[in-house]
Amino acid sequence: MRTPILADLAVPVPLTAPDTSMGEVESVLRGHPELLGVVTAANDHLYLVDRGFLDMVLAGRLGYGRALLHRRPLRSLLRQPALVLPAGTGWGDAARAAMERPDPLKAIPLVVMFDDGTVGVAPVGPLVEHLSLRYQAMALTDDLTGLGNRRSLLERPAPCHRAAALVIDLNRFKEINDSLGHAGGDELLRSVSVALAAACAPAQAFRLGGDEFVVFAPDLTTWPGVEPSAPAAAPLAEAGHRLLRAIEGPYEVAGVPITVEASMGIAVTDGRPRPDVDDLVARADAAMYAAKRDRTQVEHWHAALSAGHADLGMDTHLRTAIGNRELILHYQPLVDAHTRETVSVEALVRWSHPQRGLLPPGAFLPQAERSDVIHLLTEAVLGDAVRQAATWHRAGCAVPVAVNLAAPVLASDRIVATIVALLAETGLPAGSLIVEVTESAVMTRPAESADRLRSLREIGVRVAIDDFGTGNTSLGLLTQLPVDELKLDRSFVARIHHPQDRVIVESVARMANGLGLTLVAEGVEDEHTADTLTALGFDLLQGYHFGRPEPALAATAPGWNR
């Protein structure tokens, strides 16, 4: 559709000489009701005497009598120069230019300059209405693809008929972004959206965000191959597979042919007369995650997925919680095995949920690690922990703080820059920050993880392997990683008094000492266990016996650093 321009709206008018009497001007306007005013040139500017202003003058509201006014020249009523725009100006740009004028001038028509030097006059009302409609459309449209966005989908009227939602998520899209850059990823998403919109008709395609799309069919009776009274599962599954084939490409992105693989979840209304679109999409989303997990390509929602369905809003709620600063940190001490003095603290996140109270990390971290929200969450935790440690340092309590990094965070190339920026902002010495990573996080991408940990180590940040003994870290890899601390998992500490398990702990202690690593025992619950671990060569001890995780103020109370 062609963008409307001012030439489509303007009414051509001849230039009126500035010395023309107002009586003649009034006669012209009375004889041509379509004219919005007259245009004149004076002092190297164009001026508009609009019909509204002239009516006020003729009515005597501006101090002129009609008889006196008729003898005056047009020049005597000239105010500020008119807003003059080329005839090719789009309506949106023209509306914005008109609305940027001072309040008394916003509604005055525009003077339009045609290519041949003639002029016209255009009203402001249609321009502003056009711009308003465009803004409304933009609020419901995905900027990147032009498809409807999440708001557009969820604001649709509830369908009166049997409806279906098909949620589509591209597989390994992050790898494409990493390889071809975000511009290449955006180009691929645009290509996929065009193919999807064409293939899903008469249904409509929407982009929820990232690489996730929804096809919404408000009336399954119009879906090809689906009989109004027949079960929709089989034909919808076939339609789903057809859609996935239709969007697979290949597409050429930055000169590279890319074939798209995707997973799909399908949900169909359950016969209610006014089904809820939001609930339908949430169910399809749960089915899509099942298809991605089980690598089945297409899955239908069923009741067994309801447990996962209950957590579908967790990502959104977590994003809101981060923005509202509902995530708080508690700090647990690590003590010297011999002196029992606090040597460092570990920052542990809690969620102060407005309705559910204080939630432990197990209630939300596993879900967060399955989505991109883990990056925002980690940045928030890092920021609070580093700033708190810097505050303690300035107060004379130079206690290092440890922060956990999940596998997706360690795999991200922005974590190093984030930490460098935080240290520079707060002035905290790099050696006062410890990053803790699990064996499984390291093994997700060993080479890249080692590079990131090495970069952190080079600036002085210390590195600890957390939950050691529960993952798959080989001794060979352990010798290659830039590690300062080894934290033995609490499951081994709990069995330290069993002879067979004690042998394992002794072996880990000898290995850590041989590699020059600081050896930490987690989950120390009593003095007998603490003494045994100390005798085996452990350097640091952590557990409820020495202190539970506490808020920052409680962590610095008397007796904490004992």
Protein backbone atom coordinates (compact mmCIF):
# COMPACT_ATOMS: atom_id res chain seq x y z
CA MET A 1 0.00 0.00 0.00
CA ARG A 2 1.39 3.40 -1.01
CA THR A 3 2.12 5.80 1.84
CA PRO A 4 -0.21 8.82 1.54
CA ILE A 5 1.53 12.13 0.92
CA LEU A 6 0.44 15.76 1.33
CA ALA A 7 -0.27 16.08 -2.38
CA ASP A 8 -3.22 13.68 -1.84
CA LEU A 9 -4.76 15.97 0.79
CA ALA A 10 -3.86 19.51 -0.24
CA VAL A 11 -6.30 21.83 -2.03
CA PRO A 12 -4.38 24.03 -4.52
CA VAL A 13 -4.77 27.79 -3.97
CA PRO A 14 -3.43 30.77 -5.89
CA LEU A 15 -1.08 33.13 -4.08
CA THR A 16 -2.94 36.23 -2.94
CA ALA A 17 -1.11 39.55 -3.00
CA PRO A 18 -0.38 40.90 0.50
CA ASP A 19 -2.00 44.26 -0.38
CA THR A 20 -5.33 42.64 -1.32
CA SER A 21 -8.15 44.14 0.78
CA MET A 22 -9.76 41.89 3.36
CA GLY A 23 -13.09 42.50 1.68
CA GLU A 24 -11.78 40.75 -1.43
CA VAL A 25 -10.28 37.95 0.66
CA GLU A 26 -13.63 37.37 2.38
CA SER A 27 -15.38 37.26 -0.98
CA VAL A 28 -12.93 34.63 -2.25
CA LEU A 29 -13.44 32.43 0.82
CA ARG A 30 -17.22 32.84 0.70
CA GLY A 31 -17.25 31.86 -2.97
CA HIS A 32 -15.07 28.80 -2.45
CA PRO A 33 -16.19 26.90 0.69
CA GLU A 34 -13.54 24.20 0.13
CA LEU A 35 -10.70 26.67 0.73
CA LEU A 36 -9.17 26.49 4.19
CA GLY A 37 -7.59 29.91 3.87
CA VAL A 38 -5.52 32.11 1.60
CA VAL A 39 -1.75 32.10 1.16
CA THR A 40 0.39 35.15 0.57
CA ALA A 41 4.10 35.85 0.22
CA ALA A 42 5.73 38.61 2.24
CA ASN A 43 9.18 39.26 3.67
CA ASP A 44 10.52 36.14 1.93
CA HIS A 45 8.04 33.92 3.76
CA LEU A 46 4.69 32.34 3.02
CA TYR A 47 1.80 33.21 5.33
CA LEU A 48 -1.56 31.56 5.75
CA VAL A 49 -4.69 33.44 6.78
CA ASP A 50 -6.91 30.52 7.63
CA ARG A 51 -10.68 30.53 7.59
CA GLY A 52 -10.99 30.06 11.35
CA PHE A 53 -8.84 33.10 12.09
CA LEU A 54 -10.69 35.20 9.57
CA ASP A 55 -14.07 34.25 11.09
CA MET A 56 -12.85 35.40 14.51
CA VAL A 57 -11.67 38.70 13.06
CA LEU A 58 -14.94 39.31 11.18
CA ALA A 59 -16.93 38.57 14.33
CA GLY A 60 -15.05 41.39 16.06
CA ARG A 61 -13.44 39.13 18.69
CA LEU A 62 -9.95 40.41 17.82
CA GLY A 63 -10.78 44.12 18.02
CA TYR A 64 -11.62 44.80 14.37
CA GLY A 65 -15.00 46.01 13.15
CA ARG A 66 -16.22 44.60 9.86
CA ALA A 67 -16.22 47.99 8.10
CA LEU A 68 -12.72 48.83 9.29
CA LEU A 69 -11.48 45.35 8.47
CA HIS A 70 -12.70 45.45 4.89
CA ARG A 71 -10.53 48.51 4.17
CA ARG A 72 -7.39 46.87 5.60
CA PRO A 73 -4.95 44.91 3.41
CA LEU A 74 -4.28 41.22 3.93
CA ARG A 75 -0.80 42.20 5.13
CA SER A 76 -2.23 43.68 8.33
CA LEU A 77 -3.45 40.28 9.56
CA LEU A 78 -0.28 38.32 8.95
CA ARG A 79 1.01 36.49 12.01
CA GLN A 80 3.82 33.94 12.11
CA PRO A 81 5.02 32.41 8.84
CA ALA A 82 3.13 29.29 7.82
CA LEU A 83 4.46 25.77 8.21
CA VAL A 84 5.42 24.91 4.62
CA LEU A 85 6.10 21.28 3.64
CA PRO A 86 6.87 19.66 0.28
CA ALA A 87 3.94 17.94 -1.44
CA GLY A 88 5.78 14.61 -1.21
CA THR A 89 5.88 14.64 2.59
CA GLY A 90 4.24 11.58 4.14
CA TRP A 91 1.21 12.08 6.34
CA GLY A 92 2.98 10.75 9.43
CA ASP A 93 5.92 13.15 9.07
CA ALA A 94 3.55 16.02 8.33
CA ALA A 95 1.45 15.26 11.41
CA ARG A 96 4.54 15.18 13.63
CA ALA A 97 5.75 18.50 12.19
CA ALA A 98 2.33 20.07 12.79
CA MET A 99 2.13 18.81 16.37
CA GLU A 100 5.61 20.15 17.18
CA ARG A 101 4.31 23.70 16.82
CA PRO A 102 3.24 25.73 19.90
CA ASP A 103 -0.23 24.85 21.21
CA PRO A 104 -2.11 27.82 19.66
CA LEU A 105 -0.75 26.86 16.22
CA LYS A 106 -1.15 23.08 16.25
CA ALA A 107 -4.55 23.04 14.53
CA ILE A 108 -3.73 25.62 11.83
CA PRO A 109 -3.64 24.06 8.32
CA LEU A 110 -0.33 23.50 6.52
CA VAL A 111 0.90 25.18 3.38
CA VAL A 112 1.95 22.60 0.78
CA MET A 113 4.59 23.38 -1.85
CA PHE A 114 4.15 21.48 -5.11
CA ASP A 115 7.06 20.60 -7.40
CA ASP A 116 5.98 23.23 -9.98
CA GLY A 117 6.17 26.04 -7.41
CA THR A 118 2.41 26.34 -6.84
CA VAL A 119 0.99 25.98 -3.35
CA GLY A 120 -1.94 24.38 -1.59
CA VAL A 121 -3.44 24.10 1.87
CA ALA A 122 -3.92 20.84 3.84
CA PRO A 123 -5.93 20.32 7.06
CA VAL A 124 -4.21 18.91 10.14
CA GLY A 125 -7.08 16.69 11.38
CA PRO A 126 -6.73 13.83 8.86
CA LEU A 127 -2.96 13.83 9.35
CA VAL A 128 -3.20 13.45 13.12
CA GLU A 129 -5.86 10.76 12.79
CA HIS A 130 -3.64 8.87 10.34
CA LEU A 131 -0.68 9.09 12.74
CA SER A 132 -2.83 7.93 15.65
CA LEU A 133 -4.00 4.89 13.69
CA ARG A 134 -0.40 4.12 12.75
CA TYR A 135 0.67 4.24 16.40
CA GLN A 136 -2.21 1.93 17.31
CA ALA A 137 -1.11 -0.49 14.59
CA MET A 138 2.53 -0.28 15.72
CA ALA A 139 1.49 -1.19 19.27
CA LEU A 140 0.00 -4.40 17.90
CA THR A 141 2.72 -5.19 15.35
CA ASP A 142 6.10 -6.82 15.72
CA ASP A 143 8.70 -4.29 14.59
CA LEU A 144 11.04 -6.86 13.06
CA THR A 145 8.69 -9.08 11.07
CA GLY A 146 5.51 -7.07 10.60
CA LEU A 147 3.46 -9.92 12.09
CA GLY A 148 1.06 -9.33 14.95
CA ASN A 149 2.79 -9.28 18.34
CA ARG A 150 1.86 -10.91 21.64
CA ARG A 151 -0.41 -8.02 22.60
CA SER A 152 -2.19 -8.24 19.26
CA LEU A 153 -2.80 -11.95 19.79
CA LEU A 154 -3.99 -11.71 23.39
CA GLU A 155 -6.25 -8.73 22.69
CA ARG A 156 -8.17 -10.62 20.03
CA PRO A 157 -11.81 -11.28 20.83
CA ALA A 158 -12.37 -14.73 22.30
CA PRO A 159 -13.31 -17.03 19.42
CA CYS A 160 -16.88 -18.25 19.23
CA HIS A 161 -15.98 -21.49 17.46
CA ARG A 162 -13.56 -24.33 17.93
CA ALA A 163 -10.10 -22.74 17.86
CA ALA A 164 -6.47 -23.85 17.86
CA ALA A 165 -3.10 -22.33 18.71
CA LEU A 166 0.15 -23.69 17.28
CA VAL A 167 3.31 -22.43 19.00
CA ILE A 168 6.51 -22.74 16.95
CA ASP A 169 10.03 -22.33 18.30
CA LEU A 170 13.12 -22.50 16.09
CA ASN A 171 15.74 -25.04 17.14
CA ARG A 172 19.34 -23.91 17.71
CA PHE A 173 18.55 -20.33 16.77
CA LYS A 174 21.15 -19.05 19.25
CA GLU A 175 23.85 -20.86 17.27
CA ILE A 176 22.74 -19.01 14.12
CA ASN A 177 22.90 -15.69 15.97
CA ASP A 178 26.33 -16.52 17.35
CA SER A 179 27.63 -17.59 13.93
CA LEU A 180 26.05 -14.96 11.66
CA GLY A 181 25.48 -12.12 14.11
CA HIS A 182 22.22 -10.54 15.21
CA ALA A 183 21.70 -8.91 11.81
CA GLY A 184 21.82 -12.35 10.19
CA GLY A 185 19.48 -13.74 12.82
CA ASP A 186 17.02 -10.90 12.21
CA GLU A 187 17.16 -11.52 8.46
CA LEU A 188 16.35 -15.19 9.01
CA LEU A 189 13.41 -14.36 11.30
CA ARG A 190 11.96 -12.04 8.67
CA SER A 191 12.25 -14.74 6.01
CA VAL A 192 10.64 -17.34 8.25
CA SER A 193 7.78 -14.97 9.12
CA VAL A 194 6.98 -14.39 5.43
CA ALA A 195 6.92 -18.13 4.74
CA LEU A 196 4.85 -18.85 7.85
CA ALA A 197 2.25 -16.16 7.15
CA ALA A 198 1.77 -17.47 3.62
CA ALA A 199 1.61 -21.13 4.63
CA CYS A 200 -0.80 -20.82 7.56
CA ALA A 201 -3.67 -19.01 5.78
CA PRO A 202 -6.53 -18.66 6.55
CA ALA A 203 -5.11 -18.69 10.08
CA GLN A 204 -2.94 -15.78 11.24
CA ALA A 205 0.70 -15.81 12.31
CA PHE A 206 2.10 -13.85 15.26
CA ARG A 207 5.58 -13.41 16.70
CA LEU A 208 5.70 -13.70 20.48
CA GLY A 209 9.34 -12.63 20.72
CA GLY A 210 12.78 -14.06 20.03
CA ASP A 211 12.40 -17.05 17.73
CA GLU A 212 8.92 -18.05 18.95
CA PHE A 213 5.85 -17.77 16.71
CA VAL A 214 2.16 -18.59 17.07
CA VAL A 215 -0.33 -19.59 14.43
CA PHE A 216 -3.87 -18.91 15.66
CA ALA A 217 -6.91 -20.45 13.95
CA PRO A 218 -10.04 -18.92 15.52
CA ASP A 219 -12.34 -21.30 13.64
CA LEU A 220 -11.14 -24.81 12.89
CA THR A 221 -14.00 -25.35 10.46
CA THR A 222 -12.01 -23.21 8.02
CA TRP A 223 -8.80 -25.17 8.47
CA PRO A 224 -8.07 -27.29 5.38
CA GLY A 225 -8.73 -30.99 6.02
CA VAL A 226 -10.43 -30.57 9.42
CA GLU A 227 -14.06 -31.65 9.55
CA PRO A 228 -16.26 -29.56 11.88
CA SER A 229 -17.29 -32.55 14.00
CA ALA A 230 -14.18 -34.73 13.66
CA PRO A 231 -11.38 -34.92 16.26
CA ALA A 232 -8.81 -32.31 15.28
CA ALA A 233 -5.67 -34.02 16.59
CA ALA A 234 -4.65 -36.04 13.53
CA PRO A 235 -5.37 -33.45 10.81
CA LEU A 236 -3.89 -30.66 12.93
CA ALA A 237 -0.73 -32.68 13.45
CA GLU A 238 -0.52 -33.11 9.69
CA ALA A 239 -1.08 -29.39 9.23
CA GLY A 240 1.61 -28.71 11.82
CA HIS A 241 4.14 -30.85 9.98
CA ARG A 242 3.22 -29.08 6.72
CA LEU A 243 3.89 -25.73 8.36
CA LEU A 244 7.26 -26.88 9.64
CA ARG A 245 8.20 -28.08 6.16
CA ALA A 246 7.00 -24.78 4.68
CA ILE A 247 9.31 -22.71 6.88
CA GLU A 248 12.40 -24.93 6.74
CA GLY A 249 13.88 -23.06 3.78
CA PRO A 250 16.69 -23.05 2.87
CA TYR A 251 17.16 -19.28 3.23
CA GLU A 252 20.30 -17.49 2.16
CA VAL A 253 21.56 -15.35 5.03
CA ALA A 254 24.82 -13.42 4.63
CA GLY A 255 25.62 -15.69 1.69
CA VAL A 256 25.08 -18.85 3.75
CA PRO A 257 22.18 -21.24 3.02
CA ILE A 258 20.30 -21.87 6.28
CA THR A 259 17.77 -24.67 6.79
CA VAL A 260 15.42 -24.12 9.70
CA GLU A 261 14.37 -26.83 12.12
CA ALA A 262 11.62 -26.11 14.61
CA SER A 263 9.45 -27.62 17.33
CA MET A 264 5.70 -27.16 17.58
CA GLY A 265 3.07 -27.44 20.28
CA ILE A 266 -0.66 -27.58 19.48
CA ALA A 267 -3.62 -26.83 21.74
CA VAL A 268 -7.30 -26.95 20.80
CA THR A 269 -10.19 -25.38 22.71
CA ASP A 270 -12.04 -27.73 24.99
CA GLY A 271 -15.57 -26.88 23.89
CA ARG A 272 -16.18 -23.86 26.10
CA PRO A 273 -18.32 -21.26 24.31
CA ARG A 274 -15.80 -18.44 24.89
CA PRO A 275 -12.32 -20.01 25.10
CA ASP A 276 -9.51 -17.96 26.59
CA VAL A 277 -6.80 -17.14 24.02
CA ASP A 278 -4.10 -16.64 26.66
CA ASP A 279 -4.79 -20.05 28.20
CA LEU A 280 -4.85 -21.72 24.79
CA VAL A 281 -1.46 -20.27 23.84
CA ALA A 282 0.01 -21.24 27.23
CA ARG A 283 -1.08 -24.85 26.69
CA ALA A 284 0.39 -24.89 23.19
CA ASP A 285 3.60 -23.45 24.64
CA ALA A 286 3.79 -26.30 27.15
CA ALA A 287 3.31 -28.81 24.35
CA MET A 288 6.02 -27.11 22.31
CA TYR A 289 8.53 -27.48 25.16
CA ALA A 290 7.62 -31.16 25.34
CA ALA A 291 8.25 -31.51 21.61
CA LYS A 292 11.60 -29.75 21.95
CA ARG A 293 12.59 -31.85 24.95
CA ASP A 294 11.58 -35.16 23.41
CA ARG A 295 12.63 -34.17 19.85
CA THR A 296 9.25 -35.22 18.44
CA GLN A 297 8.79 -32.06 16.31
CA VAL A 298 5.04 -31.77 17.00
CA GLU A 299 3.15 -32.40 20.25
CA HIS A 300 -0.47 -31.87 21.33
CA TRP A 301 -1.23 -30.47 24.74
CA HIS A 302 -2.65 -32.98 27.20
CA ALA A 303 -3.47 -32.93 30.90
CA ALA A 304 -0.17 -34.56 31.89
CA LEU A 305 1.57 -31.34 30.86
CA SER A 306 -0.45 -29.28 33.33
CA ALA A 307 2.32 -29.33 35.95
CA GLY A 308 4.69 -27.71 33.48
CA HIS A 309 1.88 -25.43 32.38
CA ALA A 310 1.68 -23.99 35.88
CA ASP A 311 5.23 -22.62 35.49
CA LEU A 312 4.76 -21.09 32.03
CA GLY A 313 4.38 -17.60 33.45
CA MET A 314 7.51 -17.93 35.58
CA ASP A 315 9.77 -16.21 33.03
CA THR A 316 7.49 -13.18 32.80
CA HIS A 317 7.05 -13.02 36.58
CA LEU A 318 10.81 -13.27 37.08
CA ARG A 319 11.46 -10.43 34.66
CA THR A 320 8.97 -8.32 36.59
CA ALA A 321 10.56 -9.37 39.88
CA ILE A 322 13.99 -8.31 38.65
CA GLY A 323 12.63 -4.94 37.55
CA ASN A 324 10.88 -4.48 40.91
CA ARG A 325 14.00 -5.53 42.83
CA GLU A 326 12.16 -8.42 44.48
CA LEU A 327 15.28 -10.62 44.30
CA ILE A 328 17.32 -10.34 47.48
CA LEU A 329 20.64 -11.85 48.49
CA HIS A 330 21.49 -13.79 51.62
CA TYR A 331 25.11 -14.46 52.49
CA GLN A 332 26.55 -17.64 54.02
CA PRO A 333 30.05 -17.63 55.55
CA LEU A 334 32.94 -19.91 54.60
CA VAL A 335 35.30 -20.29 57.55
CA ASP A 336 38.94 -21.22 57.90
CA ALA A 337 39.04 -24.88 58.93
CA HIS A 338 41.64 -24.20 61.63
CA THR A 339 40.82 -20.75 63.03
CA ARG A 340 37.06 -20.82 62.25
CA GLU A 341 37.31 -17.19 61.14
CA THR A 342 35.17 -16.14 58.20
CA VAL A 343 37.28 -16.07 55.06
CA SER A 344 34.63 -15.36 52.41
CA VAL A 345 30.86 -15.43 51.88
CA GLU A 346 28.65 -16.99 49.23
CA ALA A 347 25.78 -14.90 47.82
CA LEU A 348 22.58 -16.93 47.58
CA VAL A 349 19.52 -15.47 45.88
CA ARG A 350 16.00 -15.48 47.30
CA TRP A 351 12.77 -14.17 45.76
CA SER A 352 10.64 -11.98 47.99
CA HIS A 353 7.43 -12.89 46.18
CA PRO A 354 4.52 -10.46 46.77
CA GLN A 355 2.01 -13.30 47.25
CA ARG A 356 4.05 -16.42 48.09
CA GLY A 357 6.55 -14.92 50.50
CA LEU A 358 10.30 -15.65 50.51
CA LEU A 359 11.04 -18.31 47.90
CA PRO A 360 14.24 -20.42 47.99
CA PRO A 361 16.34 -20.68 44.80
CA GLY A 362 15.02 -24.16 44.04
CA ALA A 363 11.57 -22.70 43.46
CA PHE A 364 12.64 -20.57 40.49
CA LEU A 365 16.29 -21.06 39.44
CA PRO A 366 15.78 -24.34 37.51
CA GLN A 367 13.06 -22.69 35.42
CA ALA A 368 15.18 -19.57 34.94
CA GLU A 369 18.11 -21.63 33.66
CA ARG A 370 15.89 -22.99 30.89
CA SER A 371 15.28 -19.52 29.44
CA ASP A 372 17.10 -16.29 28.63
CA VAL A 373 15.89 -14.73 31.89
CA ILE A 374 18.84 -16.41 33.63
CA HIS A 375 21.12 -13.77 32.08
CA LEU A 376 19.10 -10.90 33.57
CA LEU A 377 18.85 -12.70 36.89
CA THR A 378 22.61 -13.34 37.05
CA GLU A 379 23.41 -9.74 36.15
CA ALA A 380 21.10 -8.56 38.93
CA VAL A 381 22.68 -10.94 41.47
CA LEU A 382 26.20 -10.03 40.39
CA GLY A 383 25.41 -6.34 40.61
CA ASP A 384 23.97 -6.58 44.13
CA ALA A 385 26.72 -8.89 45.40
CA VAL A 386 29.61 -6.83 44.02
CA ARG A 387 28.12 -3.56 45.29
CA GLN A 388 27.55 -5.08 48.74
CA ALA A 389 31.10 -6.44 48.86
CA ALA A 390 32.42 -3.01 47.86
CA THR A 391 30.40 -1.44 50.68
CA TRP A 392 31.88 -3.91 53.17
CA HIS A 393 35.38 -3.19 51.87
CA ARG A 394 34.94 0.56 52.28
CA ALA A 395 33.77 -0.12 55.85
CA GLY A 396 36.96 -2.08 56.59
CA CYS A 397 35.48 -5.59 56.23
CA ALA A 398 37.40 -6.96 53.24
CA VAL A 399 35.52 -10.23 52.80
CA PRO A 400 35.41 -11.74 49.28
CA VAL A 401 32.00 -12.70 47.89
CA ALA A 402 31.21 -15.73 45.73
CA VAL A 403 28.50 -15.74 43.04
CA ASN A 404 27.23 -18.78 41.13
CA LEU A 405 27.23 -18.77 37.31
CA ALA A 406 24.81 -21.15 35.56
CA ALA A 407 25.76 -23.04 32.39
CA PRO A 408 23.94 -20.65 29.96
CA VAL A 409 25.64 -17.67 31.60
CA LEU A 410 29.08 -19.24 31.38
CA ALA A 411 28.40 -19.99 27.71
CA SER A 412 27.55 -16.36 27.02
CA ASP A 413 30.24 -14.08 25.67
CA ARG A 414 28.93 -11.08 27.66
CA ILE A 415 29.60 -12.36 31.19
CA VAL A 416 33.24 -11.27 31.22
CA ALA A 417 32.38 -7.75 30.08
CA THR A 418 29.60 -7.57 32.68
CA ILE A 419 31.97 -8.47 35.52
CA VAL A 420 34.70 -6.10 34.29
CA ALA A 421 32.19 -3.24 34.16
CA LEU A 422 30.89 -3.97 37.67
CA LEU A 423 34.38 -4.06 39.17
CA ALA A 424 35.22 -0.77 37.47
CA GLU A 425 31.96 0.82 38.65
CA THR A 426 32.30 -0.21 42.30
CA GLY A 427 36.07 -0.20 42.74
CA LEU A 428 35.96 -3.68 44.28
CA PRO A 429 39.33 -5.45 43.89
CA ALA A 430 38.97 -8.31 41.42
CA GLY A 431 40.44 -10.73 43.94
CA SER A 432 37.45 -10.09 46.19
CA LEU A 433 35.07 -11.71 43.69
CA ILE A 434 34.80 -15.47 43.33
CA VAL A 435 32.75 -17.04 40.55
CA GLU A 436 31.42 -20.51 41.27
CA VAL A 437 30.63 -22.86 38.37
CA THR A 438 29.44 -26.43 38.50
CA GLU A 439 31.04 -29.33 36.70
CA SER A 440 28.01 -29.66 34.42
CA ALA A 441 28.23 -25.96 33.51
CA VAL A 442 31.86 -26.38 32.48
CA MET A 443 31.17 -29.54 30.52
CA THR A 444 28.37 -27.88 28.51
CA ARG A 445 31.03 -26.17 26.39
CA PRO A 446 34.45 -27.07 27.85
CA ALA A 447 36.65 -25.03 25.51
CA GLU A 448 34.54 -21.88 25.66
CA SER A 449 34.05 -22.22 29.42
CA ALA A 450 37.79 -22.52 29.95
CA ASP A 451 38.39 -19.41 27.82
CA ARG A 452 35.87 -17.36 29.80
CA LEU A 453 37.19 -18.55 33.15
CA ARG A 454 40.73 -17.84 31.98
CA SER A 455 39.74 -14.28 31.00
CA LEU A 456 38.25 -13.73 34.46
CA ARG A 457 41.30 -15.22 36.14
CA GLU A 458 43.57 -12.90 34.15
CA ILE A 459 41.88 -9.83 35.63
CA GLY A 460 42.20 -11.27 39.14
CA VAL A 461 38.78 -12.86 39.72
CA ARG A 462 38.98 -16.20 41.54
CA VAL A 463 37.30 -19.34 40.21
CA ALA A 464 35.70 -22.17 42.19
CA ILE A 465 34.30 -25.50 40.98
CA ASP A 466 31.05 -26.00 42.91
CA ASP A 467 29.34 -29.32 43.79
CA PHE A 468 32.46 -31.25 42.81
CA GLY A 469 31.91 -34.98 42.50
CA THR A 470 28.38 -34.80 41.05
CA GLY A 471 29.34 -34.06 37.45
CA ASN A 472 31.63 -35.39 34.76
CA THR A 473 34.75 -33.28 35.07
CA SER A 474 37.75 -35.38 34.11
CA LEU A 475 40.96 -34.99 36.05
CA GLY A 476 42.68 -34.04 32.80
CA LEU A 477 40.23 -31.19 32.21
CA LEU A 478 40.48 -30.10 35.82
CA THR A 479 44.23 -29.58 35.43
CA GLN A 480 43.58 -27.37 32.39
CA LEU A 481 40.92 -25.16 33.98
CA PRO A 482 41.97 -21.93 35.73
CA VAL A 483 40.60 -23.02 39.13
CA ASP A 484 41.40 -21.65 42.59
CA GLU A 485 38.92 -23.53 44.76
CA LEU A 486 37.34 -26.98 44.72
CA LYS A 487 34.06 -27.31 46.64
CA LEU A 488 33.23 -30.91 47.52
CA ASP A 489 29.51 -31.60 47.19
CA ARG A 490 27.54 -31.90 50.43
CA SER A 491 26.47 -35.46 49.56
CA PHE A 492 30.06 -36.66 50.17
CA VAL A 493 30.39 -34.56 53.33
CA ALA A 494 27.21 -36.13 54.74
CA ARG A 495 28.78 -39.62 54.38
CA ILE A 496 32.24 -38.71 55.62
CA HIS A 497 31.93 -41.00 58.67
CA HIS A 498 31.29 -44.09 56.52
CA PRO A 499 34.66 -45.80 55.86
CA GLN A 500 34.10 -46.41 52.12
CA ASP A 501 32.92 -42.86 51.47
CA ARG A 502 35.73 -41.43 53.58
CA VAL A 503 38.24 -43.02 51.19
CA ILE A 504 36.72 -41.03 48.32
CA VAL A 505 36.93 -37.79 50.29
CA GLU A 506 40.55 -38.49 51.20
CA SER A 507 41.37 -39.05 47.52
CA VAL A 508 39.76 -35.74 46.54
CA ALA A 509 41.68 -33.97 49.32
CA ARG A 510 45.02 -35.40 48.15
CA MET A 511 44.26 -34.43 44.55
CA ALA A 512 43.26 -30.85 45.49
CA ASN A 513 46.32 -30.40 47.67
CA GLY A 514 48.52 -31.77 44.90
CA LEU A 515 47.09 -29.26 42.43
CA GLY A 516 47.49 -26.40 44.89
CA LEU A 517 43.75 -25.77 45.11
CA THR A 518 41.85 -24.42 48.08
CA LEU A 519 39.61 -27.29 49.21
CA VAL A 520 36.14 -26.43 50.51
CA ALA A 521 33.59 -28.72 52.18
CA GLU A 522 29.90 -27.84 51.79
CA GLY A 523 27.09 -28.88 54.11
CA VAL A 524 29.01 -29.10 57.39
CA GLU A 525 26.34 -29.59 60.06
CA ASP A 526 28.24 -30.43 63.26
CA GLU A 527 31.56 -30.03 65.03
CA HIS A 528 32.58 -33.70 64.68
CA THR A 529 32.29 -33.46 60.88
CA ALA A 530 34.19 -30.17 60.90
CA ASP A 531 37.07 -31.69 62.87
CA THR A 532 37.22 -34.74 60.58
CA LEU A 533 37.38 -32.59 57.45
CA THR A 534 40.05 -30.38 58.97
CA ALA A 535 42.16 -33.44 59.73
CA LEU A 536 41.78 -34.60 56.11
CA GLY A 537 43.29 -31.38 54.82
CA PHE A 538 40.26 -29.21 53.99
CA ASP A 539 40.98 -25.49 53.99
CA LEU A 540 37.49 -23.97 54.21
CA LEU A 541 34.22 -25.20 55.69
CA GLN A 542 30.69 -24.10 54.91
CA GLY A 543 27.40 -25.17 56.43
CA TYR A 544 24.68 -24.47 58.97
CA HIS A 545 27.10 -25.32 61.79
CA PHE A 546 28.92 -22.05 61.04
CA GLY A 547 26.00 -19.93 59.88
CA ARG A 548 22.86 -19.97 57.82
CA PRO A 549 22.45 -17.64 54.83
CA GLU A 550 21.51 -14.22 56.20
CA PRO A 551 20.65 -10.80 54.71
CA ALA A 552 23.56 -8.39 54.37
CA LEU A 553 22.82 -6.49 57.60
CA ALA A 554 22.62 -9.69 59.64
CA ALA A 555 25.75 -11.00 57.95
CA THR A 556 27.79 -8.15 59.41
CA ALA A 557 26.30 -8.39 62.91
CA PRO A 558 28.59 -9.12 65.89
CA GLY A 559 29.58 -12.76 66.03
CA TRP A 560 29.11 -13.41 62.32
CA ASN A 561 32.81 -13.13 61.56
CA ARG A 562 33.93 -15.43 64.30
